[in-house]
PDB file of all heavy atoms in Angstrom:
ATOM      1  N   ARG A   1       5.790  31.767 -63.329  1.00  0.00           N
ATOM      2  CA  ARG A   1       4.992  32.532 -62.360  1.00  0.00           C
ATOM      3  C   ARG A   1       3.530  32.101 -62.495  1.00  0.00           C
ATOM      4  O   ARG A   1       2.937  32.179 -63.582  1.00  0.00           O
ATOM      5  CB  ARG A   1       5.106  34.028 -62.603  1.00  0.00           C
ATOM      6  CG  ARG A   1       4.237  34.866 -61.632  1.00  0.00           C
ATOM      7  CD  ARG A   1       4.220  36.327 -62.006  1.00  0.00           C
ATOM      8  NE  ARG A   1       5.512  36.946 -61.755  1.00  0.00           N
ATOM      9  CZ  ARG A   1       5.901  37.471 -60.583  1.00  0.00           C
ATOM     10  NH1 ARG A   1       5.052  37.447 -59.560  1.00  0.00           N
ATOM     11  NH2 ARG A   1       7.090  38.012 -60.454  1.00  0.00           N
ATOM     12  N   GLY A   2       2.964  31.629 -61.400  1.00  0.00           N
ATOM     13  CA  GLY A   2       1.573  31.218 -61.434  1.00  0.00           C
ATOM     14  C   GLY A   2       1.386  29.842 -60.831  1.00  0.00           C
ATOM     15  O   GLY A   2       2.091  29.457 -59.898  1.00  0.00           O
ATOM     16  N   ASN A   3       0.446  29.074 -61.398  1.00  0.00           N
ATOM     17  CA  ASN A   3       0.126  27.760 -60.846  1.00  0.00           C
ATOM     18  C   ASN A   3       0.589  26.645 -61.782  1.00  0.00           C
ATOM     19  O   ASN A   3       1.213  26.897 -62.816  1.00  0.00           O
ATOM     20  CB  ASN A   3      -1.375  27.663 -60.559  1.00  0.00           C
ATOM     21  CG  ASN A   3      -2.226  27.902 -61.808  1.00  0.00           C
ATOM     22  OD1 ASN A   3      -1.863  27.473 -62.904  1.00  0.00           O
ATOM     23  ND2 ASN A   3      -3.353  28.587 -61.643  1.00  0.00           N
ATOM     24  N   VAL A   4       0.259  25.414 -61.425  1.00  0.00           N
ATOM     25  CA  VAL A   4       0.766  24.273 -62.191  1.00  0.00           C
ATOM     26  C   VAL A   4       0.217  24.253 -63.620  1.00  0.00           C
ATOM     27  O   VAL A   4       0.929  23.865 -64.551  1.00  0.00           O
ATOM     28  CB  VAL A   4       0.448  22.939 -61.469  1.00  0.00           C
ATOM     29  CG1 VAL A   4       1.278  22.807 -60.206  1.00  0.00           C
ATOM     30  CG2 VAL A   4      -1.041  22.795 -61.168  1.00  0.00           C
ATOM     31  N   LEU A   5      -1.012  24.684 -63.813  1.00  0.00           N
ATOM     32  CA  LEU A   5      -1.548  24.722 -65.175  1.00  0.00           C
ATOM     33  C   LEU A   5      -0.871  25.802 -66.012  1.00  0.00           C
ATOM     34  O   LEU A   5      -0.686  25.644 -67.224  1.00  0.00           O
ATOM     35  CB  LEU A   5      -3.060  24.943 -65.148  1.00  0.00           C
ATOM     36  CG  LEU A   5      -3.918  23.676 -65.076  1.00  0.00           C
ATOM     37  CD1 LEU A   5      -5.395  24.034 -65.043  1.00  0.00           C
ATOM     38  CD2 LEU A   5      -3.614  22.732 -66.235  1.00  0.00           C
ATOM     39  N   ASP A   6      -0.479  26.899 -65.376  1.00  0.00           N
ATOM     40  CA  ASP A   6       0.294  27.916 -66.095  1.00  0.00           C
ATOM     41  C   ASP A   6       1.608  27.323 -66.600  1.00  0.00           C
ATOM     42  O   ASP A   6       2.042  27.607 -67.723  1.00  0.00           O
ATOM     43  CB  ASP A   6       0.579  29.111 -65.188  1.00  0.00           C
ATOM     44  CG  ASP A   6      -0.672  29.889 -64.830  1.00  0.00           C
ATOM     45  OD1 ASP A   6      -1.566  29.997 -65.692  1.00  0.00           O
ATOM     46  OD2 ASP A   6      -0.766  30.366 -63.685  1.00  0.00           O
ATOM     47  N   ALA A   7       2.245  26.470 -65.765  1.00  0.00           N
ATOM     48  CA  ALA A   7       3.497  25.829 -66.171  1.00  0.00           C
ATOM     49  C   ALA A   7       3.267  24.839 -67.310  1.00  0.00           C
ATOM     50  O   ALA A   7       4.094  24.729 -68.226  1.00  0.00           O
ATOM     51  CB  ALA A   7       4.136  25.115 -64.972  1.00  0.00           C
ATOM     52  N   VAL A   8       2.155  24.113 -67.270  1.00  0.00           N
ATOM     53  CA  VAL A   8       1.827  23.182 -68.354  1.00  0.00           C
ATOM     54  C   VAL A   8       1.689  23.938 -69.669  1.00  0.00           C
ATOM     55  O   VAL A   8       2.251  23.549 -70.700  1.00  0.00           O
ATOM     56  CB  VAL A   8       0.522  22.416 -68.024  1.00  0.00           C
ATOM     57  CG1 VAL A   8       0.001  21.682 -69.256  1.00  0.00           C
ATOM     58  CG2 VAL A   8       0.762  21.430 -66.892  1.00  0.00           C
ATOM     59  N   ARG A   9       0.971  25.030 -69.637  1.00  0.00           N
ATOM     60  CA  ARG A   9       0.729  25.800 -70.868  1.00  0.00           C
ATOM     61  C   ARG A   9       1.999  26.490 -71.354  1.00  0.00           C
ATOM     62  O   ARG A   9       2.289  26.494 -72.555  1.00  0.00           O
ATOM     63  CB  ARG A   9      -0.383  26.802 -70.614  1.00  0.00           C
ATOM     64  CG  ARG A   9      -1.742  26.149 -70.322  1.00  0.00           C
ATOM     65  CD  ARG A   9      -2.835  27.176 -70.138  1.00  0.00           C
ATOM     66  NE  ARG A   9      -4.133  26.533 -69.925  1.00  0.00           N
ATOM     67  CZ  ARG A   9      -4.820  26.594 -68.783  1.00  0.00           C
ATOM     68  NH1 ARG A   9      -4.337  27.271 -67.746  1.00  0.00           N
ATOM     69  NH2 ARG A   9      -5.993  25.979 -68.665  1.00  0.00           N
ATOM     70  N   GLU A  10       2.764  27.057 -70.435  1.00  0.00           N
ATOM     71  CA  GLU A  10       3.981  27.765 -70.834  1.00  0.00           C
ATOM     72  C   GLU A  10       4.992  26.830 -71.479  1.00  0.00           C
ATOM     73  O   GLU A  10       5.705  27.221 -72.422  1.00  0.00           O
ATOM     74  CB  GLU A  10       4.614  28.442 -69.619  1.00  0.00           C
ATOM     75  CG  GLU A  10       5.882  29.220 -69.939  1.00  0.00           C
ATOM     76  CD  GLU A  10       6.412  29.981 -68.752  1.00  0.00           C
ATOM     77  OE1 GLU A  10       5.939  31.100 -68.499  1.00  0.00           O
ATOM     78  OE2 GLU A  10       7.306  29.449 -68.050  1.00  0.00           O
ATOM     79  N   ASN A  11       5.055  25.588 -70.994  1.00  0.00           N
ATOM     80  CA  ASN A  11       6.031  24.634 -71.506  1.00  0.00           C
ATOM     81  C   ASN A  11       5.469  23.702 -72.575  1.00  0.00           C
ATOM     82  O   ASN A  11       6.169  22.807 -73.047  1.00  0.00           O
ATOM     83  CB  ASN A  11       6.604  23.818 -70.347  1.00  0.00           C
ATOM     84  CG  ASN A  11       7.468  24.646 -69.417  1.00  0.00           C
ATOM     85  OD1 ASN A  11       8.608  24.962 -69.724  1.00  0.00           O
ATOM     86  ND2 ASN A  11       6.907  25.027 -68.268  1.00  0.00           N
ATOM     87  N   GLY A  12       4.202  23.900 -72.943  1.00  0.00           N
ATOM     88  CA  GLY A  12       3.596  23.092 -73.991  1.00  0.00           C
ATOM     89  C   GLY A  12       3.552  21.613 -73.663  1.00  0.00           C
ATOM     90  O   GLY A  12       3.765  20.767 -74.539  1.00  0.00           O
ATOM     91  N   LEU A  13       3.238  21.275 -72.406  1.00  0.00           N
ATOM     92  CA  LEU A  13       3.262  19.879 -71.973  1.00  0.00           C
ATOM     93  C   LEU A  13       1.977  19.164 -72.361  1.00  0.00           C
ATOM     94  O   LEU A  13       0.877  19.733 -72.319  1.00  0.00           O
ATOM     95  CB  LEU A  13       3.460  19.803 -70.454  1.00  0.00           C
ATOM     96  CG  LEU A  13       4.683  20.537 -69.891  1.00  0.00           C
ATOM     97  CD1 LEU A  13       4.765  20.323 -68.390  1.00  0.00           C
ATOM     98  CD2 LEU A  13       5.966  20.083 -70.578  1.00  0.00           C
ATOM     99  N   SER A  14       2.113  17.890 -72.691  1.00  0.00           N
ATOM    100  CA  SER A  14       0.955  17.050 -72.994  1.00  0.00           C
ATOM    101  C   SER A  14       1.223  15.648 -72.470  1.00  0.00           C
ATOM    102  O   SER A  14       2.372  15.251 -72.280  1.00  0.00           O
ATOM    103  CB  SER A  14       0.685  17.006 -74.498  1.00  0.00           C
ATOM    104  OG  SER A  14       1.789  16.431 -75.181  1.00  0.00           O
ATOM    105  N   ALA A  15       0.160  14.893 -72.235  1.00  0.00           N
ATOM    106  CA  ALA A  15       0.302  13.544 -71.696  1.00  0.00           C
ATOM    107  C   ALA A  15      -0.998  12.775 -71.886  1.00  0.00           C
ATOM    108  O   ALA A  15      -2.014  13.331 -72.325  1.00  0.00           O
ATOM    109  CB  ALA A  15       0.678  13.592 -70.211  1.00  0.00           C
ATOM    110  N   ASP A  16      -0.943  11.494 -71.552  1.00  0.00           N
ATOM    111  CA  ASP A  16      -2.128  10.648 -71.638  1.00  0.00           C
ATOM    112  C   ASP A  16      -3.018  10.784 -70.407  1.00  0.00           C
ATOM    113  O   ASP A  16      -4.222  10.510 -70.477  1.00  0.00           O
ATOM    114  CB  ASP A  16      -1.710   9.179 -71.769  1.00  0.00           C
ATOM    115  CG  ASP A  16      -0.817   8.944 -72.971  1.00  0.00           C
ATOM    116  OD1 ASP A  16      -1.168   9.415 -74.064  1.00  0.00           O
ATOM    117  OD2 ASP A  16       0.248   8.307 -72.804  1.00  0.00           O
ATOM    118  N   ALA A  17      -2.413  11.162 -69.285  1.00  0.00           N
ATOM    119  CA  ALA A  17      -3.167  11.195 -68.030  1.00  0.00           C
ATOM    120  C   ALA A  17      -2.537  12.182 -67.068  1.00  0.00           C
ATOM    121  O   ALA A  17      -1.365  12.566 -67.205  1.00  0.00           O
ATOM    122  CB  ALA A  17      -3.219   9.807 -67.394  1.00  0.00           C
ATOM    123  N   ILE A  18      -3.320  12.572 -66.075  1.00  0.00           N
ATOM    124  CA  ILE A  18      -2.866  13.421 -64.976  1.00  0.00           C
ATOM    125  C   ILE A  18      -3.057  12.668 -63.671  1.00  0.00           C
ATOM    126  O   ILE A  18      -4.131  12.119 -63.420  1.00  0.00           O
ATOM    127  CB  ILE A  18      -3.662  14.741 -64.925  1.00  0.00           C
ATOM    128  CG1 ILE A  18      -3.326  15.625 -66.131  1.00  0.00           C
ATOM    129  CG2 ILE A  18      -3.396  15.489 -63.624  1.00  0.00           C
ATOM    130  CD1 ILE A  18      -4.186  16.873 -66.225  1.00  0.00           C
ATOM    131  N   PHE A  19      -2.019  12.629 -62.840  1.00  0.00           N
ATOM    132  CA  PHE A  19      -2.104  12.150 -61.469  1.00  0.00           C
ATOM    133  C   PHE A  19      -1.737  13.340 -60.583  1.00  0.00           C
ATOM    134  O   PHE A  19      -0.649  13.918 -60.753  1.00  0.00           O
ATOM    135  CB  PHE A  19      -1.110  11.021 -61.192  1.00  0.00           C
ATOM    136  CG  PHE A  19      -1.439   9.697 -61.852  1.00  0.00           C
ATOM    137  CD1 PHE A  19      -2.460   9.571 -62.768  1.00  0.00           C
ATOM    138  CD2 PHE A  19      -0.701   8.570 -61.534  1.00  0.00           C
ATOM    139  CE1 PHE A  19      -2.746   8.351 -63.368  1.00  0.00           C
ATOM    140  CE2 PHE A  19      -0.971   7.342 -62.116  1.00  0.00           C
ATOM    141  CZ  PHE A  19      -2.000   7.235 -63.039  1.00  0.00           C
ATOM    142  N   ALA A  20      -2.603  13.729 -59.651  1.00  0.00           N
ATOM    143  CA  ALA A  20      -2.371  14.979 -58.931  1.00  0.00           C
ATOM    144  C   ALA A  20      -2.766  14.899 -57.463  1.00  0.00           C
ATOM    145  O   ALA A  20      -3.634  14.114 -57.074  1.00  0.00           O
ATOM    146  CB  ALA A  20      -3.145  16.111 -59.603  1.00  0.00           C
ATOM    147  N   CYS A  21      -2.112  15.759 -56.674  1.00  0.00           N
ATOM    148  CA  CYS A  21      -2.450  15.927 -55.270  1.00  0.00           C
ATOM    149  C   CYS A  21      -2.224  17.388 -54.917  1.00  0.00           C
ATOM    150  O   CYS A  21      -1.194  17.970 -55.285  1.00  0.00           O
ATOM    151  CB  CYS A  21      -1.580  15.031 -54.383  1.00  0.00           C
ATOM    152  SG  CYS A  21      -1.968  15.145 -52.615  1.00  0.00           S
ATOM    153  N   GLY A  22      -3.176  17.981 -54.222  1.00  0.00           N
ATOM    154  CA  GLY A  22      -3.032  19.379 -53.853  1.00  0.00           C
ATOM    155  C   GLY A  22      -4.336  19.946 -53.326  1.00  0.00           C
ATOM    156  O   GLY A  22      -5.303  19.214 -53.097  1.00  0.00           O
ATOM    157  N   PRO A  23      -4.392  21.265 -53.159  1.00  0.00           N
ATOM    158  CA  PRO A  23      -5.607  21.897 -52.634  1.00  0.00           C
ATOM    159  C   PRO A  23      -6.769  21.794 -53.615  1.00  0.00           C
ATOM    160  O   PRO A  23      -6.578  21.634 -54.828  1.00  0.00           O
ATOM    161  CB  PRO A  23      -5.175  23.353 -52.415  1.00  0.00           C
ATOM    162  CG  PRO A  23      -3.999  23.549 -53.309  1.00  0.00           C
ATOM    163  CD  PRO A  23      -3.305  22.227 -53.387  1.00  0.00           C
ATOM    164  N   ALA A  24      -7.982  21.916 -53.088  1.00  0.00           N
ATOM    165  CA  ALA A  24      -9.187  21.709 -53.885  1.00  0.00           C
ATOM    166  C   ALA A  24      -9.282  22.604 -55.116  1.00  0.00           C
ATOM    167  O   ALA A  24      -9.661  22.122 -56.194  1.00  0.00           O
ATOM    168  CB  ALA A  24     -10.429  21.882 -53.001  1.00  0.00           C
ATOM    169  N   PRO A  25      -8.949  23.906 -55.045  1.00  0.00           N
ATOM    170  CA  PRO A  25      -9.044  24.716 -56.267  1.00  0.00           C
ATOM    171  C   PRO A  25      -8.140  24.203 -57.387  1.00  0.00           C
ATOM    172  O   PRO A  25      -8.523  24.228 -58.560  1.00  0.00           O
ATOM    173  CB  PRO A  25      -8.614  26.110 -55.786  1.00  0.00           C
ATOM    174  CG  PRO A  25      -8.926  26.122 -54.330  1.00  0.00           C
ATOM    175  CD  PRO A  25      -8.640  24.734 -53.860  1.00  0.00           C
ATOM    176  N   MET A  26      -6.951  23.735 -57.036  1.00  0.00           N
ATOM    177  CA  MET A  26      -6.049  23.172 -58.029  1.00  0.00           C
ATOM    178  C   MET A  26      -6.641  21.912 -58.640  1.00  0.00           C
ATOM    179  O   MET A  26      -6.652  21.748 -59.873  1.00  0.00           O
ATOM    180  CB  MET A  26      -4.706  22.849 -57.374  1.00  0.00           C
ATOM    181  CG  MET A  26      -3.767  22.024 -58.232  1.00  0.00           C
ATOM    182  SD  MET A  26      -2.283  21.542 -57.308  1.00  0.00           S
ATOM    183  CE  MET A  26      -1.922  19.952 -58.095  1.00  0.00           C
ATOM    184  N   LEU A  27      -7.168  21.021 -57.818  1.00  0.00           N
ATOM    185  CA  LEU A  27      -7.727  19.772 -58.332  1.00  0.00           C
ATOM    186  C   LEU A  27      -8.961  20.028 -59.183  1.00  0.00           C
ATOM    187  O   LEU A  27      -9.182  19.348 -60.190  1.00  0.00           O
ATOM    188  CB  LEU A  27      -8.064  18.840 -57.167  1.00  0.00           C
ATOM    189  CG  LEU A  27      -6.891  18.433 -56.269  1.00  0.00           C
ATOM    190  CD1 LEU A  27      -7.356  17.436 -55.217  1.00  0.00           C
ATOM    191  CD2 LEU A  27      -5.740  17.854 -57.074  1.00  0.00           C
ATOM    192  N   ARG A  28      -9.747  21.008 -58.799  1.00  0.00           N
ATOM    193  CA  ARG A  28     -10.937  21.352 -59.586  1.00  0.00           C
ATOM    194  C   ARG A  28     -10.525  21.819 -60.986  1.00  0.00           C
ATOM    195  O   ARG A  28     -11.130  21.414 -61.992  1.00  0.00           O
ATOM    196  CB  ARG A  28     -11.717  22.447 -58.863  1.00  0.00           C
ATOM    197  CG  ARG A  28     -13.090  22.732 -59.438  1.00  0.00           C
ATOM    198  CD  ARG A  28     -13.826  23.783 -58.617  1.00  0.00           C
ATOM    199  NE  ARG A  28     -13.969  23.365 -57.231  1.00  0.00           N
ATOM    200  CZ  ARG A  28     -13.420  23.996 -56.194  1.00  0.00           C
ATOM    201  NH1 ARG A  28     -12.665  25.063 -56.368  1.00  0.00           N
ATOM    202  NH2 ARG A  28     -13.607  23.543 -54.968  1.00  0.00           N
ATOM    203  N   ALA A  29      -9.482  22.640 -61.047  1.00  0.00           N
ATOM    204  CA  ALA A  29      -9.009  23.134 -62.342  1.00  0.00           C
ATOM    205  C   ALA A  29      -8.418  22.009 -63.181  1.00  0.00           C
ATOM    206  O   ALA A  29      -8.619  21.955 -64.401  1.00  0.00           O
ATOM    207  CB  ALA A  29      -7.966  24.232 -62.121  1.00  0.00           C
ATOM    208  N   LEU A  30      -7.712  21.072 -62.545  1.00  0.00           N
ATOM    209  CA  LEU A  30      -7.116  19.956 -63.280  1.00  0.00           C
ATOM    210  C   LEU A  30      -8.183  19.008 -63.803  1.00  0.00           C
ATOM    211  O   LEU A  30      -8.054  18.462 -64.910  1.00  0.00           O
ATOM    212  CB  LEU A  30      -6.130  19.208 -62.392  1.00  0.00           C
ATOM    213  CG  LEU A  30      -4.857  19.965 -62.013  1.00  0.00           C
ATOM    214  CD1 LEU A  30      -3.973  19.106 -61.121  1.00  0.00           C
ATOM    215  CD2 LEU A  30      -4.091  20.415 -63.255  1.00  0.00           C
ATOM    216  N   LYS A  31      -9.234  18.796 -63.031  1.00  0.00           N
ATOM    217  CA  LYS A  31     -10.332  17.947 -63.496  1.00  0.00           C
ATOM    218  C   LYS A  31     -10.944  18.533 -64.766  1.00  0.00           C
ATOM    219  O   LYS A  31     -11.178  17.813 -65.754  1.00  0.00           O
ATOM    220  CB  LYS A  31     -11.394  17.813 -62.405  1.00  0.00           C
ATOM    221  CG  LYS A  31     -12.615  17.018 -62.848  1.00  0.00           C
ATOM    222  CD  LYS A  31     -13.657  16.904 -61.743  1.00  0.00           C
ATOM    223  CE  LYS A  31     -14.894  16.162 -62.245  1.00  0.00           C
ATOM    224  NZ  LYS A  31     -15.918  15.990 -61.188  1.00  0.00           N
ATOM    225  N   ALA A  32     -11.188  19.840 -64.764  1.00  0.00           N
ATOM    226  CA  ALA A  32     -11.768  20.494 -65.938  1.00  0.00           C
ATOM    227  C   ALA A  32     -10.808  20.447 -67.120  1.00  0.00           C
ATOM    228  O   ALA A  32     -11.216  20.179 -68.258  1.00  0.00           O
ATOM    229  CB  ALA A  32     -12.130  21.940 -65.596  1.00  0.00           C
ATOM    230  N   TYR A  33      -9.520  20.673 -66.859  1.00  0.00           N
ATOM    231  CA  TYR A  33      -8.516  20.661 -67.925  1.00  0.00           C
ATOM    232  C   TYR A  33      -8.430  19.275 -68.569  1.00  0.00           C
ATOM    233  O   TYR A  33      -8.364  19.151 -69.798  1.00  0.00           O
ATOM    234  CB  TYR A  33      -7.160  21.062 -67.358  1.00  0.00           C
ATOM    235  CG  TYR A  33      -6.033  21.068 -68.363  1.00  0.00           C
ATOM    236  CD1 TYR A  33      -5.825  22.162 -69.189  1.00  0.00           C
ATOM    237  CD2 TYR A  33      -5.177  19.965 -68.479  1.00  0.00           C
ATOM    238  CE1 TYR A  33      -4.786  22.172 -70.122  1.00  0.00           C
ATOM    239  CE2 TYR A  33      -4.149  19.965 -69.405  1.00  0.00           C
ATOM    240  CZ  TYR A  33      -3.958  21.063 -70.220  1.00  0.00           C
ATOM    241  OH  TYR A  33      -2.940  21.056 -71.140  1.00  0.00           O
ATOM    242  N   ALA A  34      -8.423  18.227 -67.736  1.00  0.00           N
ATOM    243  CA  ALA A  34      -8.345  16.863 -68.254  1.00  0.00           C
ATOM    244  C   ALA A  34      -9.567  16.534 -69.107  1.00  0.00           C
ATOM    245  O   ALA A  34      -9.456  15.922 -70.173  1.00  0.00           O
ATOM    246  CB  ALA A  34      -8.209  15.878 -67.103  1.00  0.00           C
ATOM    247  N   ALA A  35     -10.743  16.938 -68.653  1.00  0.00           N
ATOM    248  CA  ALA A  35     -11.970  16.670 -69.418  1.00  0.00           C
ATOM    249  C   ALA A  35     -11.942  17.390 -70.763  1.00  0.00           C
ATOM    250  O   ALA A  35     -12.329  16.830 -71.801  1.00  0.00           O
ATOM    251  CB  ALA A  35     -13.187  17.096 -68.606  1.00  0.00           C
ATOM    252  N   GLU A  36     -11.461  18.631 -70.761  1.00  0.00           N
ATOM    253  CA  GLU A  36     -11.397  19.404 -72.003  1.00  0.00           C
ATOM    254  C   GLU A  36     -10.437  18.794 -73.015  1.00  0.00           C
ATOM    255  O   GLU A  36     -10.630  18.918 -74.229  1.00  0.00           O
ATOM    256  CB  GLU A  36     -10.958  20.839 -71.690  1.00  0.00           C
ATOM    257  CG  GLU A  36     -11.988  21.658 -70.934  1.00  0.00           C
ATOM    258  CD  GLU A  36     -11.402  22.950 -70.392  1.00  0.00           C
ATOM    259  OE1 GLU A  36     -10.218  23.238 -70.702  1.00  0.00           O
ATOM    260  OE2 GLU A  36     -12.109  23.662 -69.662  1.00  0.00           O
ATOM    261  N   ASN A  37      -9.399  18.126 -72.500  1.00  0.00           N
ATOM    262  CA  ASN A  37      -8.349  17.606 -73.374  1.00  0.00           C
ATOM    263  C   ASN A  37      -8.392  16.083 -73.543  1.00  0.00           C
ATOM    264  O   ASN A  37      -7.454  15.495 -74.074  1.00  0.00           O
ATOM    265  CB  ASN A  37      -6.982  18.032 -72.835  1.00  0.00           C
ATOM    266  CG  ASN A  37      -6.735  19.515 -72.994  1.00  0.00           C
ATOM    267  OD1 ASN A  37      -6.290  19.964 -74.042  1.00  0.00           O
ATOM    268  ND2 ASN A  37      -7.042  20.287 -71.955  1.00  0.00           N
TER     269      ASN A  37
END
């Protein structure tokens, strides 16, 4: 329940990179998440 970052956190996912497409609020959150990690 929630957004794509909620699914990443709930499932403990990690990777070397993110490739994404979607609405601006989602992309803004992914940009910040990638920079933090």
